[in-house]
């Protein structure tokens, strides 16, 4: 959207055009061809491996991380060497 119009404002204009053609001009085929605008979906920010390491190193102790923050990855119990439910 190079002109700076917001998505809600654009869709309001689309609604007005659809109403004008469908109700006022009684042209039922025209509103079906006028599409609503959709805001582009943005991908979530993903941390690199270095950023994850830097983030985890910034936490002062394991207690501050919480009980399940990476301590039991893959279902393994800490220090047991076996997956949960097998021993």
C-alpha atoms as a PDB file:
ATOM      1  CA  UNK A   1       0.000   0.000   0.000  1.00  0.00           C
ATOM      2  CA  UNK A   2       2.179   2.809  -1.258  1.00  0.00           C
ATOM      3  CA  UNK A   3      -0.388   5.581  -0.657  1.00  0.00           C
ATOM      4  CA  UNK A   4      -0.566   5.049   3.085  1.00  0.00           C
ATOM      5  CA  UNK A   5      -4.250   4.094   3.376  1.00  0.00           C
ATOM      6  CA  UNK A   6      -4.958   1.716   6.242  1.00  0.00           C
ATOM      7  CA  UNK A   7      -6.426  -1.746   5.705  1.00  0.00           C
ATOM      8  CA  UNK A   8      -9.672  -0.924   7.579  1.00  0.00           C
ATOM      9  CA  UNK A   9     -10.129   2.257   5.501  1.00  0.00           C
ATOM     10  CA  UNK A  10      -9.556   0.301   2.298  1.00  0.00           C
ATOM     11  CA  UNK A  11     -12.097  -2.336   3.298  1.00  0.00           C
ATOM     12  CA  UNK A  12     -14.605   0.392   4.186  1.00  0.00           C
ATOM     13  CA  UNK A  13     -14.224   1.712   0.634  1.00  0.00           C
ATOM     14  CA  UNK A  14     -14.686  -1.807  -0.743  1.00  0.00           C
ATOM     15  CA  UNK A  15     -17.890  -2.176   1.314  1.00  0.00           C
ATOM     16  CA  UNK A  16     -19.185   1.123  -0.033  1.00  0.00           C
ATOM     17  CA  UNK A  17     -18.449   0.091  -3.630  1.00  0.00           C
ATOM     18  CA  UNK A  18     -20.070  -3.301  -3.150  1.00  0.00           C
ATOM     19  CA  UNK A  19     -23.172  -1.662  -1.665  1.00  0.00           C
ATOM     20  CA  UNK A  20     -23.305   0.959  -4.430  1.00  0.00           C
ATOM     21  CA  UNK A  21     -23.119  -1.601  -7.236  1.00  0.00           C
ATOM     22  CA  UNK A  22     -25.211  -4.290  -5.553  1.00  0.00           C
ATOM     23  CA  UNK A  23     -28.036  -2.240  -4.020  1.00  0.00           C
ATOM     24  CA  UNK A  24     -28.098   1.161  -5.692  1.00  0.00           C
ATOM     25  CA  UNK A  25     -27.342   0.025  -9.255  1.00  0.00           C
ATOM     26  CA  UNK A  26     -28.932  -3.421  -8.730  1.00  0.00           C
ATOM     27  CA  UNK A  27     -25.975  -5.159 -10.403  1.00  0.00           C
ATOM     28  CA  UNK A  28     -25.550  -8.348  -8.343  1.00  0.00           C
ATOM     29  CA  UNK A  29     -22.654  -9.672 -10.435  1.00  0.00           C
ATOM     30  CA  UNK A  30     -20.369  -6.682  -9.777  1.00  0.00           C
ATOM     31  CA  UNK A  31     -20.029  -6.897  -5.946  1.00  0.00           C
ATOM     32  CA  UNK A  32     -18.947 -10.538  -6.204  1.00  0.00           C
ATOM     33  CA  UNK A  33     -15.942  -9.418  -8.254  1.00  0.00           C
ATOM     34  CA  UNK A  34     -14.846  -6.693  -5.812  1.00  0.00           C
ATOM     35  CA  UNK A  35     -12.504  -8.403  -3.363  1.00  0.00           C
ATOM     36  CA  UNK A  36     -11.805  -7.355   0.213  1.00  0.00           C
ATOM     37  CA  UNK A  37      -8.235  -6.350   0.992  1.00  0.00           C
ATOM     38  CA  UNK A  38      -6.210  -8.517   3.329  1.00  0.00           C
ATOM     39  CA  UNK A  39      -3.236  -7.296   5.292  1.00  0.00           C
ATOM     40  CA  UNK A  40      -0.107  -9.285   4.433  1.00  0.00           C
ATOM     41  CA  UNK A  41       0.864 -11.843   7.047  1.00  0.00           C
ATOM     42  CA  UNK A  42       4.171 -11.255   8.739  1.00  0.00           C
ATOM     43  CA  UNK A  43       6.499 -14.083   9.656  1.00  0.00           C
ATOM     44  CA  UNK A  44       7.487 -14.325  13.320  1.00  0.00           C
ATOM     45  CA  UNK A  45      10.992 -13.313  14.326  1.00  0.00           C
ATOM     46  CA  UNK A  46      13.202 -16.353  14.791  1.00  0.00           C
ATOM     47  CA  UNK A  47      16.389 -16.225  16.822  1.00  0.00           C
ATOM     48  CA  UNK A  48      19.629 -17.559  15.403  1.00  0.00           C
ATOM     49  CA  UNK A  49      21.579 -20.206  17.308  1.00  0.00           C
ATOM     50  CA  UNK A  50      24.031 -17.546  18.530  1.00  0.00           C
ATOM     51  CA  UNK A  51      21.179 -15.360  19.769  1.00  0.00           C
ATOM     52  CA  UNK A  52      19.663 -18.288  21.706  1.00  0.00           C
ATOM     53  CA  UNK A  53      23.007 -19.043  23.338  1.00  0.00           C
ATOM     54  CA  UNK A  54      23.472 -15.366  24.204  1.00  0.00           C
ATOM     55  CA  UNK A  55      19.945 -15.242  25.664  1.00  0.00           C
ATOM     56  CA  UNK A  56      20.479 -18.354  27.814  1.00  0.00           C
ATOM     57  CA  UNK A  57      23.863 -17.133  29.012  1.00  0.00           C
ATOM     58  CA  UNK A  58      22.218 -13.915  30.184  1.00  0.00           C
ATOM     59  CA  UNK A  59      20.081 -15.857  32.708  1.00  0.00           C
ATOM     60  CA  UNK A  60      21.996 -15.801  36.016  1.00  0.00           C
ATOM     61  CA  UNK A  61      21.039 -19.256  37.326  1.00  0.00           C
ATOM     62  CA  UNK A  62      19.040 -22.359  36.498  1.00  0.00           C
ATOM     63  CA  UNK A  63      16.527 -21.455  39.221  1.00  0.00           C
ATOM     64  CA  UNK A  64      15.695 -18.221  37.389  1.00  0.00           C
ATOM     65  CA  UNK A  65      14.905 -20.160  34.216  1.00  0.00           C
ATOM     66  CA  UNK A  66      11.989 -22.073  35.713  1.00  0.00           C
ATOM     67  CA  UNK A  67      11.312 -25.778  36.182  1.00  0.00           C
ATOM     68  CA  UNK A  68      10.832 -26.830  32.548  1.00  0.00           C
ATOM     69  CA  UNK A  69      12.802 -24.327  30.492  1.00  0.00           C
ATOM     70  CA  UNK A  70      14.921 -26.739  28.532  1.00  0.00           C
ATOM     71  CA  UNK A  71      15.881 -28.968  31.447  1.00  0.00           C
ATOM     72  CA  UNK A  72      13.769 -31.901  30.266  1.00  0.00           C
ATOM     73  CA  UNK A  73      14.121 -31.733  26.482  1.00  0.00           C
ATOM     74  CA  UNK A  74      12.925 -34.799  24.622  1.00  0.00           C
ATOM     75  CA  UNK A  75      11.190 -36.253  27.666  1.00  0.00           C
ATOM     76  CA  UNK A  76      14.439 -37.235  29.408  1.00  0.00           C
ATOM     77  CA  UNK A  77      14.701 -36.773  33.149  1.00  0.00           C
ATOM     78  CA  UNK A  78      17.607 -34.695  34.300  1.00  0.00           C
ATOM     79  CA  UNK A  79      20.463 -36.939  35.364  1.00  0.00           C
ATOM     80  CA  UNK A  80      18.742 -40.271  34.701  1.00  0.00           C
ATOM     81  CA  UNK A  81      19.856 -40.882  31.129  1.00  0.00           C
ATOM     82  CA  UNK A  82      16.527 -42.566  30.357  1.00  0.00           C
ATOM     83  CA  UNK A  83      13.338 -41.163  28.859  1.00  0.00           C
ATOM     84  CA  UNK A  84      10.420 -40.648  31.208  1.00  0.00           C
ATOM     85  CA  UNK A  85       8.304 -43.723  31.870  1.00  0.00           C
ATOM     86  CA  UNK A  86      11.182 -46.164  31.267  1.00  0.00           C
ATOM     87  CA  UNK A  87      12.625 -46.734  34.630  1.00  0.00           C
END
